[in-house]
Amino acid sequence: MPSRSTGVISQDWEPVVLRKSKTKAQDLRDPKAVNQALRSGVPVQAIRKFDAGSNKKSAPVVSARKLDEGTEPATLEKLSVEVRQAIQKARLEKKMSQSELAKLINEQPKVVQEYENGKAVPNQAVLAKMEKVLGVKLRGKIGRCFKAVIVLLLKI
């Protein structure tokens, strides 16, 4: 026969509380849970984060008023016709192609093409490399036409 302990046996009357697991944020966004909360009178708050979940990058907005006032430059400075012709003429005199010139100045052929077409924004470092390889002065001629236009506009 099993033996019983001789000590005092007592019953524990302290309440045991079982709690539900905390609801997840994803469960709170469920339309069924939202409708149930609305029916029961619980306050429901909808918060939408600005550009949340989108992979868009917004471009800086330039106001029309600022452009009209002329506080911001509307266009970037381009190469003058003289510089473009000087680059092309010197390159042809040395009998090299645009890609060969690009290799010598450690740039892409597209850069040389943009400089000769006048689409490039002048970069002093690139012009210095071209001067060294072609043996022609290019940097003093950049803004002559641009400066002449400004002088004419100031006189008016």
Protein backbone atom coordinates (compact mmCIF):
# COMPACT_ATOMS: atom_id res chain seq x y z
CA MET A 1 0.00 0.00 0.00
CA PRO A 2 1.29 3.40 -0.83
CA SER A 3 2.40 5.47 2.03
CA ARG A 4 1.15 8.98 2.61
CA SER A 5 3.25 11.81 3.77
CA THR A 6 2.79 12.74 7.35
CA GLY A 7 3.05 16.49 6.69
CA VAL A 8 0.16 18.87 6.54
CA ILE A 9 -1.65 18.79 3.26
CA SER A 10 -3.21 22.05 2.18
CA GLN A 11 -4.90 23.30 -0.90
CA ASP A 12 -3.61 26.35 -2.81
CA TRP A 13 -6.51 28.75 -3.37
CA GLU A 14 -4.55 31.47 -5.22
CA PRO A 15 -6.10 32.27 -8.59
CA VAL A 16 -4.23 31.28 -11.74
CA VAL A 17 -4.58 33.80 -14.59
CA LEU A 18 -4.30 32.57 -18.16
CA ARG A 19 -3.80 35.34 -20.68
CA LYS A 20 -4.29 35.38 -24.39
CA SER A 21 -1.28 36.15 -26.55
CA LYS A 22 -1.00 39.74 -27.68
CA THR A 23 -2.70 40.40 -31.01
CA LYS A 24 -0.36 40.99 -33.90
CA ALA A 25 -0.42 44.15 -35.96
CA GLN A 26 -1.27 42.14 -39.05
CA ASP A 27 -4.35 40.71 -37.29
CA LEU A 28 -5.47 44.22 -36.38
CA ARG A 29 -5.40 45.25 -40.04
CA ASP A 30 -7.65 42.37 -41.02
CA PRO A 31 -10.96 43.76 -42.37
CA LYS A 32 -12.96 41.28 -40.25
CA ALA A 33 -11.25 42.46 -37.05
CA VAL A 34 -11.79 46.12 -37.97
CA ASN A 35 -15.51 45.54 -38.68
CA GLN A 36 -15.92 43.64 -35.43
CA ALA A 37 -14.26 46.46 -33.50
CA LEU A 38 -16.51 49.04 -35.17
CA ARG A 39 -19.63 46.99 -34.30
CA SER A 40 -18.61 46.66 -30.68
CA GLY A 41 -17.96 50.41 -30.34
CA VAL A 42 -14.20 50.29 -29.86
CA PRO A 43 -12.49 53.40 -31.28
CA VAL A 44 -10.64 52.56 -34.50
CA GLN A 45 -7.86 54.78 -35.77
CA ALA A 46 -6.54 54.62 -39.33
CA ILE A 47 -3.01 55.95 -39.84
CA ARG A 48 -1.37 56.03 -43.23
CA LYS A 49 2.33 56.64 -43.39
CA PHE A 50 3.58 59.05 -46.04
CA ASP A 51 4.85 57.10 -49.08
CA ALA A 52 4.87 53.92 -47.02
CA GLY A 53 5.54 50.79 -48.99
CA SER A 54 6.33 52.60 -52.20
CA ASN A 55 9.68 52.50 -53.86
CA LYS A 56 9.26 55.87 -55.54
CA LYS A 57 11.83 58.58 -55.23
CA SER A 58 10.31 61.98 -55.61
CA ALA A 59 12.20 64.61 -57.54
CA PRO A 60 12.67 67.99 -55.91
CA VAL A 61 9.82 70.28 -56.82
CA VAL A 62 10.85 73.58 -58.37
CA SER A 63 8.22 76.22 -57.91
CA ALA A 64 7.20 78.29 -60.91
CA ARG A 65 7.50 81.49 -58.88
CA LYS A 66 11.18 80.86 -58.17
CA LEU A 67 11.85 80.22 -61.83
CA ASP A 68 10.02 83.41 -62.78
CA GLU A 69 11.98 85.43 -60.25
CA GLY A 70 15.20 84.12 -61.69
CA THR A 71 16.71 83.12 -58.35
CA GLU A 72 17.52 79.66 -59.66
CA PRO A 73 19.46 78.96 -62.85
CA ALA A 74 17.10 77.66 -65.52
CA THR A 75 19.75 75.95 -67.65
CA LEU A 76 23.27 74.74 -67.11
CA GLU A 77 26.19 76.28 -68.94
CA LYS A 78 27.11 74.45 -72.15
CA LEU A 79 30.30 74.40 -74.17
CA SER A 80 30.76 77.18 -76.69
CA VAL A 81 31.03 76.43 -80.40
CA GLU A 82 34.69 77.50 -80.39
CA VAL A 83 35.64 74.87 -77.78
CA ARG A 84 33.72 72.12 -79.58
CA GLN A 85 35.41 72.94 -82.87
CA ALA A 86 38.84 73.17 -81.23
CA ILE A 87 38.46 69.70 -79.70
CA GLN A 88 37.28 68.19 -82.96
CA LYS A 89 39.94 69.91 -85.07
CA ALA A 90 42.82 68.93 -82.75
CA ARG A 91 41.58 65.35 -82.55
CA LEU A 92 41.36 65.05 -86.34
CA GLU A 93 44.83 66.61 -86.78
CA LYS A 94 46.26 63.93 -84.48
CA LYS A 95 44.32 61.33 -86.55
CA MET A 96 42.54 59.74 -83.61
CA SER A 97 38.96 58.65 -83.11
CA GLN A 98 36.69 59.72 -80.29
CA SER A 99 37.14 56.35 -78.58
CA GLU A 100 40.95 56.61 -78.78
CA LEU A 101 40.84 60.09 -77.24
CA ALA A 102 38.53 58.77 -74.53
CA LYS A 103 40.98 55.97 -73.69
CA LEU A 104 43.86 58.45 -73.45
CA ILE A 105 41.98 60.70 -71.02
CA ASN A 106 40.47 57.76 -69.08
CA GLU A 107 36.86 58.66 -69.86
CA GLN A 108 34.06 56.93 -71.72
CA PRO A 109 33.68 57.55 -75.47
CA LYS A 110 30.26 59.01 -74.75
CA VAL A 111 31.92 61.86 -72.80
CA VAL A 112 34.08 62.87 -75.77
CA GLN A 113 31.05 62.64 -78.05
CA GLU A 114 29.02 64.91 -75.75
CA TYR A 115 31.86 67.45 -75.62
CA GLU A 116 32.10 67.54 -79.42
CA ASN A 117 28.32 67.78 -79.84
CA GLY A 118 28.05 70.55 -77.24
CA LYS A 119 25.71 68.62 -74.95
CA ALA A 120 28.18 68.27 -72.08
CA VAL A 121 28.35 70.55 -69.08
CA PRO A 122 31.97 71.74 -68.98
CA ASN A 123 34.14 69.99 -66.42
CA GLN A 124 37.53 71.60 -65.79
CA ALA A 125 39.23 68.27 -65.04
CA VAL A 126 38.10 66.68 -68.31
CA LEU A 127 39.05 69.77 -70.29
CA ALA A 128 42.50 69.75 -68.65
CA LYS A 129 43.02 66.11 -69.69
CA MET A 130 41.96 66.93 -73.26
CA GLU A 131 44.33 69.93 -73.35
CA LYS A 132 47.21 67.72 -72.26
CA VAL A 133 46.51 64.98 -74.83
CA LEU A 134 45.53 67.24 -77.75
CA GLY A 135 48.02 70.05 -77.07
CA VAL A 136 45.34 72.76 -77.48
CA LYS A 137 44.13 75.43 -75.05
CA LEU A 138 40.44 74.82 -74.25
CA ARG A 139 39.69 76.20 -70.80
CA GLY A 140 39.98 79.90 -71.57
CA LYS A 141 37.31 79.70 -74.27
CA ILE A 142 34.46 78.19 -72.26
CA GLY A 143 32.29 81.12 -71.40
CA ARG A 144 33.07 83.77 -74.04
CA CYS A 145 29.69 83.52 -75.80
CA PHE A 146 27.88 83.22 -72.50
CA LYS A 147 29.66 86.28 -71.06
CA ALA A 148 28.96 88.29 -74.22
CA VAL A 149 25.24 87.54 -73.93
CA ILE A 150 25.21 88.65 -70.28
CA VAL A 151 27.03 91.91 -71.16
CA LEU A 152 24.51 92.61 -73.92
CA LEU A 153 21.59 91.92 -71.58
CA LEU A 154 23.03 94.24 -68.93
CA LYS A 155 23.35 97.08 -71.44
CA ILE A 156 19.68 96.85 -72.38
